Amino acid sequence: MELIKLSSFFTACNPSQVLTFNQATDRQYYLDFAKLRRSVKQFRRTINLSPQKPTCHYLSGFPGSGKTTELNYLAMELAHQNFAVVAIDAAKHLNLADLELVDLLLLIWWQIVGQVNGQLAAAQGSSQSGMDLELKSDYLDRFLIEVLEQSAIDLPEVNNFNDLGDRLGAAVLVMQRSGELRHQIRPAWEPKLKSLIEAVNQDLLAKIKPLLKQNSLKGLVVIVDNLDRLRSAQAQQLFMAKQDLLQLLSCHLVLSVPAVIYFNPEFNSIQTTQSLGAGANANKTQPESVVLSCLPVAPDNPGDHNQGLELLGQMILARAFPNLTPSDRLGQMHEICDRPQTLQRLCELSGGNTQQLLQYIYGCLQREDLPIRQNTLSEVIRALQSNLLATISAVEKQRLDYVRQHHRLPAEVYGRSPEARDAKQDVRAGYLDLLARSLLLEYADGQGFWYGVNPVLELN
């Protein structure tokens, strides 16, 4: 392969590089796995069927399942379907180690003002503000003034406190940088959050929506990524104790959430209760959840493993030959791997985890040029296996053996009662840690979830 092509392929296979769809090649690299696992397509469909009525959606999955890629793809698709999409990276603006709902709300409102402003200006072909009205909320301003007056932090990046967007941005910054301020502000405003949300809905979002309509935009969608990095206790507060407040937001809301929350029976109970119509917010459909699982790549995996292998093979080939059709890419397979069996082996050893698959290819390319040889792949896998085995304790080996035999997690992980949860907290945390480290992999079909040991650990 020519040097420039090899360099492009190497970059495209970097496991830490996420598809943003800002470039044409990103769309060509994207593979739709909806035939083999649940997908954000259903979020897009729900939002399109209810453009004016707010909806709420949760996306989760263990590391390497493709959450950020799917959220970025959803944002691009909804923008193409004439929605105003506000995409937010929570990790960039918030202290995720100490996060509560008020911090998240400030970030969402700030980004709505800034991003919608820019989108309206672009729609009007203007370099100036796209909003021809002054956004103002007395109730919100009382909160912002309290935050900013109590802050001793200098904000050289904020130069216009007369603008609501800048005041919101300044509040986000000082709340992010000062733990002492966060802990002063939260107790005072926590009881007022419902009133604050309702005021912003009326004073801010209700005024933005007619502007969207004037510019042929169907509605407002807010997508917040990287909330799945929250610790379990934080996630319980945000997505369980305060879920009703989240649902009060007068827009479509899509959030990434930690996969561990689905192992909490109280969260599942809330979801079930709300799906039966007992939710607090009648103006918003109840949260819709999608869990991204690994693709089937072995005969004992649930689902069509041959189709899984085919899709993962195409994912690799698309990054080498983005301009070719799927059938033409197969004709160039010899440029990527020394034999078809090597490509299949790559996909099998990934366990259907896309990030692991890219990690293996990246490791091979760091050792030698294309095509990837079986021996080179074996070297990469042996090194990885050695590193993984060194991290596994005796207790963890027993837990891996349990899953190897039963392909499910023990009942203690789900803690059906408070007493069981307290008594078996270490068991639950232990299995979830194995999933978070990709030593265990999660699969799904129409019957539910199925678990397997990472194939790298199964090699002699």
Foldseek 3Di string as FASTA:
>chain_A
DDPVLLVLLLVLLQLVDEQLVPDPLSVLLDFDPVVFFPACVVVLVVCVVPVQFAAAAEEEEFPLLRPVNRLSVSQVVLVVVQAQEQEAECVVQADLADDDDVLVVLVQVLSCLVSLQVVLCVLVVHPDGNDPDAQDFPVVVVLLCVQVVPAPDDDPVQDDCVHPSSSSSVSSNRCRVDPVSVVVSCVVCVVVLLVVQVRCCVRPVVSVVVSSVVSVHRFYEYEYEDQLVHDPVNLCNHCPVCVLSVQSHSGYYYYYHHPLNVLEVSSVVVQVCVQVPPHDDPSYRGYHYGYRFFGAQDPPAPDDNVVLLLSLLLSSLCSSPSPDDSVVSVVVVCFAAVDPVQSSVLSVLQNRRNSSSSVLSSQLVVPDHDHRYPVSSVVSLVVVLVVVVVPADPVNVVQQVVCAVVQDHDPLLSQPDPVSCVVCVVSNVSVVVCSNVQQKGWGADPVGIGIHGRVSNVDD
